[in-house]
Amino acid sequence: MNAQEYEECQVTITVSPSLEEILVDWLLNFGSDHDFVSFPVDSHSSDHEGLSLAEQVAGRQKRLRFQIAIRSEELTPFLDRLKQDFQGTGLHYRVVPFVESGHL
């Protein structure tokens, strides 16, 4: 099943808090009609590479999560540019199709 078989999908991006303003500006200037939200999250992993000693002890790393609703036909250009502009930053992304969405 391909996300582009659906009308819309959600791109979830998780980044270091140091990238918050850069990513917000990037998303606002991307040039398509998409909505997004952001919120703080705790990232948990058994991979301790890149974690400070305090983060290793706590077992979590402070991150920010962005959820972007995007039309499927815009997905490939969006991801291509994201990969180009944020290469090497540790950004993690995931794409899931919207089976249904609406406003009540």
PDB file of N, CA and C in Angstrom:
ATOM      1  N   MET A   1       0.842  -1.174   0.000  1.00  0.00           N
ATOM      2  CA  MET A   1       0.000   0.000   0.000  1.00  0.00           C
ATOM      3  C   MET A   1       0.890   1.243   0.000  1.00  0.00           C
ATOM      4  N   ASN A   2       0.620   2.162  -0.877  1.00  0.00           N
ATOM      5  CA  ASN A   2       1.404   3.366  -1.042  1.00  0.00           C
ATOM      6  C   ASN A   2       0.615   4.551  -0.494  1.00  0.00           C
ATOM      7  N   ALA A   3       1.302   5.455   0.254  1.00  0.00           N
ATOM      8  CA  ALA A   3       0.631   6.625   0.824  1.00  0.00           C
ATOM      9  C   ALA A   3      -0.003   7.483  -0.263  1.00  0.00           C
ATOM     10  N   GLN A   4       0.539   7.435  -1.470  1.00  0.00           N
ATOM     11  CA  GLN A   4       0.016   8.276  -2.535  1.00  0.00           C
ATOM     12  C   GLN A   4      -1.275   7.719  -3.137  1.00  0.00           C
ATOM     13  N   GLU A   5      -1.722   6.571  -2.665  1.00  0.00           N
ATOM     14  CA  GLU A   5      -3.017   6.048  -3.057  1.00  0.00           C
ATOM     15  C   GLU A   5      -4.143   6.781  -2.330  1.00  0.00           C
ATOM     16  N   TYR A   6      -3.794   7.562  -1.324  1.00  0.00           N
ATOM     17  CA  TYR A   6      -4.755   8.304  -0.528  1.00  0.00           C
ATOM     18  C   TYR A   6      -4.684   9.782  -0.882  1.00  0.00           C
ATOM     19  N   GLU A   7      -5.751  10.509  -0.584  1.00  0.00           N
ATOM     20  CA  GLU A   7      -5.806  11.931  -0.910  1.00  0.00           C
ATOM     21  C   GLU A   7      -4.841  12.752  -0.059  1.00  0.00           C
ATOM     22  N   GLU A   8      -4.754  12.418   1.221  1.00  0.00           N
ATOM     23  CA  GLU A   8      -3.871  13.135   2.138  1.00  0.00           C
ATOM     24  C   GLU A   8      -3.085  12.156   2.978  1.00  0.00           C
ATOM     25  N   CYS A   9      -1.990  12.645   3.533  1.00  0.00           N
ATOM     26  CA  CYS A   9      -1.223  11.840   4.461  1.00  0.00           C
ATOM     27  C   CYS A   9      -0.649  12.755   5.541  1.00  0.00           C
ATOM     28  N   GLN A  10      -0.087  12.135   6.537  1.00  0.00           N
ATOM     29  CA  GLN A  10       0.549  12.865   7.625  1.00  0.00           C
ATOM     30  C   GLN A  10       2.028  12.557   7.629  1.00  0.00           C
ATOM     31  N   VAL A  11       2.828  13.592   7.635  1.00  0.00           N
ATOM     32  CA  VAL A  11       4.260  13.448   7.809  1.00  0.00           C
ATOM     33  C   VAL A  11       4.549  13.837   9.259  1.00  0.00           C
ATOM     34  N   THR A  12       5.138  12.908  10.004  1.00  0.00           N
ATOM     35  CA  THR A  12       5.535  13.180  11.378  1.00  0.00           C
ATOM     36  C   THR A  12       7.040  13.350  11.386  1.00  0.00           C
ATOM     37  N   ILE A  13       7.492  14.471  11.944  1.00  0.00           N
ATOM     38  CA  ILE A  13       8.914  14.793  12.008  1.00  0.00           C
ATOM     39  C   ILE A  13       9.298  14.981  13.469  1.00  0.00           C
ATOM     40  N   THR A  14      10.390  14.348  13.877  1.00  0.00           N
ATOM     41  CA  THR A  14      10.904  14.506  15.231  1.00  0.00           C
ATOM     42  C   THR A  14      12.314  15.071  15.129  1.00  0.00           C
ATOM     43  N   VAL A  15      12.555  16.175  15.874  1.00  0.00           N
ATOM     44  CA  VAL A  15      13.838  16.875  15.787  1.00  0.00           C
ATOM     45  C   VAL A  15      14.304  17.326  17.168  1.00  0.00           C
ATOM     46  N   SER A  16      15.562  17.689  17.209  1.00  0.00           N
ATOM     47  CA  SER A  16      16.142  18.314  18.396  1.00  0.00           C
ATOM     48  C   SER A  16      15.496  19.681  18.598  1.00  0.00           C
ATOM     49  N   PRO A  17      15.291  20.118  19.855  1.00  0.00           N
ATOM     50  CA  PRO A  17      14.711  21.444  20.098  1.00  0.00           C
ATOM     51  C   PRO A  17      15.506  22.579  19.441  1.00  0.00           C
ATOM     52  N   SER A  18      16.778  22.376  19.181  1.00  0.00           N
ATOM     53  CA  SER A  18      17.579  23.425  18.547  1.00  0.00           C
ATOM     54  C   SER A  18      17.137  23.710  17.112  1.00  0.00           C
ATOM     55  N   LEU A  19      16.389  22.791  16.504  1.00  0.00           N
ATOM     56  CA  LEU A  19      15.911  22.978  15.134  1.00  0.00           C
ATOM     57  C   LEU A  19      14.484  23.532  15.061  1.00  0.00           C
ATOM     58  N   GLU A  20      13.886  23.832  16.200  1.00  0.00           N
ATOM     59  CA  GLU A  20      12.480  24.239  16.214  1.00  0.00           C
ATOM     60  C   GLU A  20      12.193  25.426  15.300  1.00  0.00           C
ATOM     61  N   GLU A  21      12.857  26.541  15.508  1.00  0.00           N
ATOM     62  CA  GLU A  21      12.558  27.745  14.728  1.00  0.00           C
ATOM     63  C   GLU A  21      12.912  27.565  13.253  1.00  0.00           C
ATOM     64  N   ILE A  22      13.998  26.857  12.995  1.00  0.00           N
ATOM     65  CA  ILE A  22      14.411  26.613  11.609  1.00  0.00           C
ATOM     66  C   ILE A  22      13.347  25.792  10.883  1.00  0.00           C
ATOM     67  N   LEU A  23      12.855  24.745  11.540  1.00  0.00           N
ATOM     68  CA  LEU A  23      11.851  23.892  10.897  1.00  0.00           C
ATOM     69  C   LEU A  23      10.506  24.600  10.769  1.00  0.00           C
ATOM     70  N   VAL A  24      10.108  25.373  11.775  1.00  0.00           N
ATOM     71  CA  VAL A  24       8.860  26.134  11.673  1.00  0.00           C
ATOM     72  C   VAL A  24       8.936  27.074  10.474  1.00  0.00           C
ATOM     73  N   ASP A  25      10.023  27.827  10.349  1.00  0.00           N
ATOM     74  CA  ASP A  25      10.190  28.731   9.206  1.00  0.00           C
ATOM     75  C   ASP A  25      10.177  27.966   7.888  1.00  0.00           C
ATOM     76  N   TRP A  26      10.854  26.821   7.849  1.00  0.00           N
ATOM     77  CA  TRP A  26      10.925  25.999   6.645  1.00  0.00           C
ATOM     78  C   TRP A  26       9.525  25.541   6.238  1.00  0.00           C
ATOM     79  N   LEU A  27       8.747  25.059   7.218  1.00  0.00           N
ATOM     80  CA  LEU A  27       7.394  24.581   6.933  1.00  0.00           C
ATOM     81  C   LEU A  27       6.483  25.718   6.470  1.00  0.00           C
ATOM     82  N   LEU A  28       6.599  26.880   7.099  1.00  0.00           N
ATOM     83  CA  LEU A  28       5.765  28.020   6.719  1.00  0.00           C
ATOM     84  C   LEU A  28       6.105  28.537   5.321  1.00  0.00           C
ATOM     85  N   ASN A  29       7.344  28.358   4.907  1.00  0.00           N
ATOM     86  CA  ASN A  29       7.794  28.861   3.612  1.00  0.00           C
ATOM     87  C   ASN A  29       7.835  27.794   2.528  1.00  0.00           C
ATOM     88  N   PHE A  30       7.375  26.590   2.829  1.00  0.00           N
ATOM     89  CA  PHE A  30       7.471  25.508   1.855  1.00  0.00           C
ATOM     90  C   PHE A  30       6.683  25.802   0.589  1.00  0.00           C
ATOM     91  N   GLY A  31       5.614  26.540   0.692  1.00  0.00           N
ATOM     92  CA  GLY A  31       4.889  26.934  -0.506  1.00  0.00           C
ATOM     93  C   GLY A  31       3.710  26.065  -0.866  1.00  0.00           C
ATOM     94  N   SER A  32       3.222  25.277   0.055  1.00  0.00           N
ATOM     95  CA  SER A  32       2.006  24.527  -0.229  1.00  0.00           C
ATOM     96  C   SER A  32       0.997  24.795   0.876  1.00  0.00           C
ATOM     97  N   ASP A  33      -0.218  24.395   0.615  1.00  0.00           N
ATOM     98  CA  ASP A  33      -1.294  24.603   1.575  1.00  0.00           C
ATOM     99  C   ASP A  33      -1.371  23.388   2.493  1.00  0.00           C
ATOM    100  N   HIS A  34      -0.684  23.474   3.620  1.00  0.00           N
ATOM    101  CA  HIS A  34      -0.708  22.371   4.567  1.00  0.00           C
ATOM    102  C   HIS A  34      -0.787  22.930   5.988  1.00  0.00           C
ATOM    103  N   ASP A  35      -1.393  22.157   6.849  1.00  0.00           N
ATOM    104  CA  ASP A  35      -1.491  22.511   8.264  1.00  0.00           C
ATOM    105  C   ASP A  35      -0.478  21.677   9.024  1.00  0.00           C
ATOM    106  N   PHE A  36       0.031  22.247  10.129  1.00  0.00           N
ATOM    107  CA  PHE A  36       0.900  21.450  10.974  1.00  0.00           C
ATOM    108  C   PHE A  36       0.770  21.873  12.424  1.00  0.00           C
ATOM    109  N   VAL A  37       1.112  20.961  13.302  1.00  0.00           N
ATOM    110  CA  VAL A  37       1.163  21.215  14.733  1.00  0.00           C
ATOM    111  C   VAL A  37       2.527  20.780  15.230  1.00  0.00           C
ATOM    112  N   SER A  38       2.925  21.327  16.360  1.00  0.00           N
ATOM    113  CA  SER A  38       4.185  20.897  16.983  1.00  0.00           C
ATOM    114  C   SER A  38       3.985  20.819  18.486  1.00  0.00           C
ATOM    115  N   PHE A  39       4.741  19.930  19.097  1.00  0.00           N
ATOM    116  CA  PHE A  39       4.636  19.758  20.541  1.00  0.00           C
ATOM    117  C   PHE A  39       5.885  19.035  21.054  1.00  0.00           C
ATOM    118  N   PRO A  40       6.240  19.262  22.338  1.00  0.00           N
ATOM    119  CA  PRO A  40       7.409  18.581  22.904  1.00  0.00           C
ATOM    120  C   PRO A  40       7.099  17.115  23.197  1.00  0.00           C
ATOM    121  N   VAL A  41       8.106  16.268  23.002  1.00  0.00           N
ATOM    122  CA  VAL A  41       7.986  14.838  23.303  1.00  0.00           C
ATOM    123  C   VAL A  41       9.282  14.371  23.965  1.00  0.00           C
ATOM    124  N   ASP A  42       9.211  13.243  24.631  1.00  0.00           N
ATOM    125  CA  ASP A  42      10.387  12.564  25.151  1.00  0.00           C
ATOM    126  C   ASP A  42      10.682  11.390  24.237  1.00  0.00           C
ATOM    127  N   SER A  43      11.891  11.316  23.754  1.00  0.00           N
ATOM    128  CA  SER A  43      12.309  10.231  22.874  1.00  0.00           C
ATOM    129  C   SER A  43      13.036   9.180  23.707  1.00  0.00           C
ATOM    130  N   HIS A  44      12.667   7.924  23.531  1.00  0.00           N
ATOM    131  CA  HIS A  44      13.267   6.815  24.272  1.00  0.00           C
ATOM    132  C   HIS A  44      13.889   5.847  23.277  1.00  0.00           C
ATOM    133  N   SER A  45      15.116   5.396  23.577  1.00  0.00           N
ATOM    134  CA  SER A  45      15.783   4.463  22.685  1.00  0.00           C
ATOM    135  C   SER A  45      16.848   3.702  23.453  1.00  0.00           C
ATOM    136  N   SER A  46      17.110   2.490  23.024  1.00  0.00           N
ATOM    137  CA  SER A  46      18.204   1.728  23.627  1.00  0.00           C
ATOM    138  C   SER A  46      19.545   2.138  23.021  1.00  0.00           C
ATOM    139  N   ASP A  47      19.505   2.912  21.930  1.00  0.00           N
ATOM    140  CA  ASP A  47      20.716   3.429  21.305  1.00  0.00           C
ATOM    141  C   ASP A  47      21.101   4.725  22.010  1.00  0.00           C
ATOM    142  N   HIS A  48      22.229   4.720  22.692  1.00  0.00           N
ATOM    143  CA  HIS A  48      22.637   5.865  23.509  1.00  0.00           C
ATOM    144  C   HIS A  48      23.575   6.806  22.772  1.00  0.00           C
ATOM    145  N   GLU A  49      23.842   6.535  21.505  1.00  0.00           N
ATOM    146  CA  GLU A  49      24.744   7.386  20.738  1.00  0.00           C
ATOM    147  C   GLU A  49      24.167   8.794  20.630  1.00  0.00           C
ATOM    148  N   GLY A  50      24.967   9.780  20.965  1.00  0.00           N
ATOM    149  CA  GLY A  50      24.556  11.171  20.887  1.00  0.00           C
ATOM    150  C   GLY A  50      23.813  11.679  22.108  1.00  0.00           C
ATOM    151  N   LEU A  51      23.577  10.819  23.091  1.00  0.00           N
ATOM    152  CA  LEU A  51      22.888  11.245  24.309  1.00  0.00           C
ATOM    153  C   LEU A  51      23.888  11.754  25.332  1.00  0.00           C
ATOM    154  N   SER A  52      23.506  12.796  26.048  1.00  0.00           N
ATOM    155  CA  SER A  52      24.341  13.278  27.152  1.00  0.00           C
ATOM    156  C   SER A  52      24.268  12.264  28.294  1.00  0.00           C
ATOM    157  N   LEU A  53      25.148  12.384  29.259  1.00  0.00           N
ATOM    158  CA  LEU A  53      25.139  11.477  30.405  1.00  0.00           C
ATOM    159  C   LEU A  53      23.808  11.593  31.148  1.00  0.00           C
ATOM    160  N   ALA A  54      23.311  12.822  31.324  1.00  0.00           N
ATOM    161  CA  ALA A  54      22.027  13.023  32.014  1.00  0.00           C
ATOM    162  C   ALA A  54      20.884  12.352  31.248  1.00  0.00           C
ATOM    163  N   GLU A  55      20.908  12.439  29.910  1.00  0.00           N
ATOM    164  CA  GLU A  55      19.867  11.801  29.099  1.00  0.00           C
ATOM    165  C   GLU A  55      19.963  10.286  29.188  1.00  0.00           C
ATOM    166  N   GLN A  56      21.179   9.753  29.255  1.00  0.00           N
ATOM    167  CA  GLN A  56      21.350   8.309  29.399  1.00  0.00           C
ATOM    168  C   GLN A  56      20.788   7.839  30.728  1.00  0.00           C
ATOM    169  N   VAL A  57      21.044   8.583  31.794  1.00  0.00           N
ATOM    170  CA  VAL A  57      20.543   8.225  33.122  1.00  0.00           C
ATOM    171  C   VAL A  57      19.017   8.319  33.155  1.00  0.00           C
ATOM    172  N   ALA A  58      18.483   9.392  32.589  1.00  0.00           N
ATOM    173  CA  ALA A  58      17.025   9.596  32.581  1.00  0.00           C
ATOM    174  C   ALA A  58      16.312   8.626  31.646  1.00  0.00           C
ATOM    175  N   GLY A  59      17.029   8.122  30.652  1.00  0.00           N
ATOM    176  CA  GLY A  59      16.422   7.204  29.696  1.00  0.00           C
ATOM    177  C   GLY A  59      15.541   7.894  28.670  1.00  0.00           C
ATOM    178  N   ARG A  60      15.740   9.195  28.485  1.00  0.00           N
ATOM    179  CA  ARG A  60      14.937   9.950  27.520  1.00  0.00           C
ATOM    180  C   ARG A  60      15.704  11.159  27.036  1.00  0.00           C
ATOM    181  N   GLN A  61      15.282  11.620  25.876  1.00  0.00           N
ATOM    182  CA  GLN A  61      15.869  12.808  25.275  1.00  0.00           C
ATOM    183  C   GLN A  61      14.730  13.740  24.869  1.00  0.00           C
ATOM    184  N   LYS A  62      14.859  15.009  25.216  1.00  0.00           N
ATOM    185  CA  LYS A  62      13.846  16.000  24.840  1.00  0.00           C
ATOM    186  C   LYS A  62      13.915  16.233  23.336  1.00  0.00           C
ATOM    187  N   ARG A  63      12.772  16.144  22.672  1.00  0.00           N
ATOM    188  CA  ARG A  63      12.665  16.352  21.231  1.00  0.00           C
ATOM    189  C   ARG A  63      11.389  17.145  20.950  1.00  0.00           C
ATOM    190  N   LEU A  64      11.234  17.556  19.726  1.00  0.00           N
ATOM    191  CA  LEU A  64      10.005  18.200  19.269  1.00  0.00           C
ATOM    192  C   LEU A  64       9.412  17.370  18.154  1.00  0.00           C
ATOM    193  N   ARG A  65       8.106  17.260  18.154  1.00  0.00           N
ATOM    194  CA  ARG A  65       7.425  16.507  17.111  1.00  0.00           C
ATOM    195  C   ARG A  65       6.534  17.467  16.327  1.00  0.00           C
ATOM    196  N   PHE A  66       6.611  17.343  15.017  1.00  0.00           N
ATOM    197  CA  PHE A  66       5.766  18.097  14.106  1.00  0.00           C
ATOM    198  C   PHE A  66       4.899  17.099  13.365  1.00  0.00           C
ATOM    199  N   GLN A  67       3.630  17.416  13.208  1.00  0.00           N
ATOM    200  CA  GLN A  67       2.717  16.596  12.422  1.00  0.00           C
ATOM    201  C   GLN A  67       2.145  17.484  11.333  1.00  0.00           C
ATOM    202  N   ILE A  68       2.400  17.095  10.094  1.00  0.00           N
ATOM    203  CA  ILE A  68       2.034  17.901   8.939  1.00  0.00           C
ATOM    204  C   ILE A  68       1.019  17.131   8.099  1.00  0.00           C
ATOM    205  N   ALA A  69      -0.129  17.748   7.843  1.00  0.00           N
ATOM    206  CA  ALA A  69      -1.115  17.181   6.923  1.00  0.00           C
ATOM    207  C   ALA A  69      -0.789  17.716   5.539  1.00  0.00           C
ATOM    208  N   ILE A  70      -0.594  16.804   4.595  1.00  0.00           N
ATOM    209  CA  ILE A  70      -0.164  17.220   3.255  1.00  0.00           C
ATOM    210  C   ILE A  70      -0.884  16.388   2.204  1.00  0.00           C
ATOM    211  N   ARG A  71      -1.221  17.019   1.097  1.00  0.00           N
ATOM    212  CA  ARG A  71      -1.840  16.289  -0.013  1.00  0.00           C
ATOM    213  C   ARG A  71      -0.823  15.316  -0.605  1.00  0.00           C
ATOM    214  N   SER A  72      -1.283  14.157  -0.980  1.00  0.00           N
ATOM    215  CA  SER A  72      -0.397  13.095  -1.461  1.00  0.00           C
ATOM    216  C   SER A  72       0.430  13.504  -2.670  1.00  0.00           C
ATOM    217  N   GLU A  73      -0.138  14.326  -3.559  1.00  0.00           N
ATOM    218  CA  GLU A  73       0.635  14.729  -4.739  1.00  0.00           C
ATOM    219  C   GLU A  73       1.794  15.660  -4.385  1.00  0.00           C
ATOM    220  N   GLU A  74       1.771  16.244  -3.208  1.00  0.00           N
ATOM    221  CA  GLU A  74       2.869  17.111  -2.762  1.00  0.00           C
ATOM    222  C   GLU A  74       3.914  16.365  -1.937  1.00  0.00           C
ATOM    223  N   LEU A  75       3.643  15.101  -1.634  1.00  0.00           N
ATOM    224  CA  LEU A  75       4.505  14.346  -0.729  1.00  0.00           C
ATOM    225  C   LEU A  75       5.924  14.176  -1.259  1.00  0.00           C
ATOM    226  N   THR A  76       6.088  13.730  -2.479  1.00  0.00           N
ATOM    227  CA  THR A  76       7.430  13.490  -3.013  1.00  0.00           C
ATOM    228  C   THR A  76       8.272  14.763  -3.056  1.00  0.00           C
ATOM    229  N   PRO A  77       7.764  15.891  -3.597  1.00  0.00           N
ATOM    230  CA  PRO A  77       8.580  17.109  -3.565  1.00  0.00           C
ATOM    231  C   PRO A  77       8.893  17.571  -2.142  1.00  0.00           C
ATOM    232  N   PHE A  78       7.927  17.395  -1.234  1.00  0.00           N
ATOM    233  CA  PHE A  78       8.131  17.771   0.163  1.00  0.00           C
ATOM    234  C   PHE A  78       9.273  16.968   0.776  1.00  0.00           C
ATOM    235  N   LEU A  79       9.219  15.640   0.610  1.00  0.00           N
ATOM    236  CA  LEU A  79      10.248  14.777   1.196  1.00  0.00           C
ATOM    237  C   LEU A  79      11.606  14.994   0.533  1.00  0.00           C
ATOM    238  N   ASP A  80      11.623  15.194  -0.777  1.00  0.00           N
ATOM    239  CA  ASP A  80      12.896  15.448  -1.468  1.00  0.00           C
ATOM    240  C   ASP A  80      13.580  16.690  -0.912  1.00  0.00           C
ATOM    241  N   ARG A  81      12.806  17.747  -0.749  1.00  0.00           N
ATOM    242  CA  ARG A  81      13.390  18.997  -0.235  1.00  0.00           C
ATOM    243  C   ARG A  81      13.776  18.869   1.238  1.00  0.00           C
ATOM    244  N   LEU A  82      12.947  18.168   2.020  1.00  0.00           N
ATOM    245  CA  LEU A  82      13.252  17.942   3.432  1.00  0.00           C
ATOM    246  C   LEU A  82      14.585  17.206   3.572  1.00  0.00           C
ATOM    247  N   LYS A  83      14.762  16.146   2.792  1.00  0.00           N
ATOM    248  CA  LYS A  83      16.001  15.357   2.838  1.00  0.00           C
ATOM    249  C   LYS A  83      17.203  16.197   2.429  1.00  0.00           C
ATOM    250  N   GLN A  84      17.017  17.053   1.454  1.00  0.00           N
ATOM    251  CA  GLN A  84      18.115  17.905   0.993  1.00  0.00           C
ATOM    252  C   GLN A  84      18.467  18.969   2.037  1.00  0.00           C
ATOM    253  N   ASP A  85      17.466  19.636   2.573  1.00  0.00           N
ATOM    254  CA  ASP A  85      17.702  20.770   3.463  1.00  0.00           C
ATOM    255  C   ASP A  85      18.085  20.373   4.885  1.00  0.00           C
ATOM    256  N   PHE A  86      17.747  19.161   5.313  1.00  0.00           N
ATOM    257  CA  PHE A  86      18.010  18.755   6.697  1.00  0.00           C
ATOM    258  C   PHE A  86      18.935  17.544   6.806  1.00  0.00           C
ATOM    259  N   GLN A  87      19.657  17.251   5.748  1.00  0.00           N
ATOM    260  CA  GLN A  87      20.594  16.130   5.767  1.00  0.00           C
ATOM    261  C   GLN A  87      21.620  16.331   6.886  1.00  0.00           C
ATOM    262  N   GLY A  88      21.866  15.294   7.670  1.00  0.00           N
ATOM    263  CA  GLY A  88      22.868  15.330   8.722  1.00  0.00           C
ATOM    264  C   GLY A  88      22.432  15.981  10.026  1.00  0.00           C
ATOM    265  N   THR A  89      21.135  16.328  10.154  1.00  0.00           N
ATOM    266  CA  THR A  89      20.666  17.008  11.369  1.00  0.00           C
ATOM    267  C   THR A  89      20.106  16.061  12.416  1.00  0.00           C
ATOM    268  N   GLY A  90      19.944  14.792  12.081  1.00  0.00           N
ATOM    269  CA  GLY A  90      19.340  13.843  13.003  1.00  0.00           C
ATOM    270  C   GLY A  90      17.818  13.844  12.958  1.00  0.00           C
ATOM    271  N   LEU A  91      17.241  14.561  12.008  1.00  0.00           N
ATOM    272  CA  LEU A  91      15.793  14.616  11.839  1.00  0.00           C
ATOM    273  C   LEU A  91      15.278  13.213  11.502  1.00  0.00           C
ATOM    274  N   HIS A  92      14.162  12.839  12.116  1.00  0.00           N
ATOM    275  CA  HIS A  92      13.512  11.564  11.832  1.00  0.00           C
ATOM    276  C   HIS A  92      12.117  11.861  11.300  1.00  0.00           C
ATOM    277  N   TYR A  93      11.710  11.172  10.239  1.00  0.00           N
ATOM    278  CA  TYR A  93      10.369  11.392   9.694  1.00  0.00           C
ATOM    279  C   TYR A  93       9.674  10.054   9.442  1.00  0.00           C
ATOM    280  N   ARG A  94       8.352  10.147   9.392  1.00  0.00           N
ATOM    281  CA  ARG A  94       7.510   8.982   9.105  1.00  0.00           C
ATOM    282  C   ARG A  94       6.285   9.482   8.353  1.00  0.00           C
ATOM    283  N   VAL A  95       5.809   8.710   7.393  1.00  0.00           N
ATOM    284  CA  VAL A  95       4.639   9.079   6.595  1.00  0.00           C
ATOM    285  C   VAL A  95       3.562   8.017   6.780  1.00  0.00           C
ATOM    286  N   VAL A  96       2.339   8.479   7.084  1.00  0.00           N
ATOM    287  CA  VAL A  96       1.199   7.556   7.174  1.00  0.00           C
ATOM    288  C   VAL A  96       0.031   8.165   6.402  1.00  0.00           C
ATOM    289  N   PRO A  97      -0.727   7.335   5.695  1.00  0.00           N
ATOM    290  CA  PRO A  97      -1.871   7.851   4.938  1.00  0.00           C
ATOM    291  C   PRO A  97      -3.046   8.170   5.873  1.00  0.00           C
ATOM    292  N   PHE A  98      -3.842   9.139   5.487  1.00  0.00           N
ATOM    293  CA  PHE A  98      -5.109   9.413   6.180  1.00  0.00           C
ATOM    294  C   PHE A  98      -6.159   8.532   5.545  1.00  0.00           C
ATOM    295  N   VAL A  99      -6.695   7.636   6.308  1.00  0.00           N
ATOM    296  CA  VAL A  99      -7.794   6.820   5.813  1.00  0.00           C
ATOM    297  C   VAL A  99      -9.067   7.672   5.804  1.00  0.00           C
ATOM    298  N   GLU A 100      -9.161   8.533   6.813  1.00  0.00           N
ATOM    299  CA  GLU A 100     -10.310   9.434   6.912  1.00  0.00           C
ATOM    300  C   GLU A 100      -9.914  10.608   7.774  1.00  0.00           C
ATOM    301  N   SER A 101     -10.454  11.788   7.452  1.00  0.00           N
ATOM    302  CA  SER A 101     -10.261  12.958   8.300  1.00  0.00           C
ATOM    303  C   SER A 101     -11.442  13.891   8.094  1.00  0.00           C
ATOM    304  N   GLY A 102     -11.666  14.774   9.041  1.00  0.00           N
ATOM    305  CA  GLY A 102     -12.778  15.708   8.915  1.00  0.00           C
ATOM    306  C   GLY A 102     -12.835  16.628  10.112  1.00  0.00           C
ATOM    307  N   HIS A 103     -13.758  17.554  10.062  1.00  0.00           N
ATOM    308  CA  HIS A 103     -14.001  18.495  11.158  1.00  0.00           C
ATOM    309  C   HIS A 103     -15.425  18.272  11.650  1.00  0.00           C
ATOM    310  N   LEU A 104     -15.603  18.246  12.952  1.00  0.00           N
ATOM    311  CA  LEU A 104     -16.951  18.053  13.533  1.00  0.00           C
ATOM    312  C   LEU A 104     -17.340  19.283  14.322  1.00  0.00           C
TER     313      LEU A 104
END
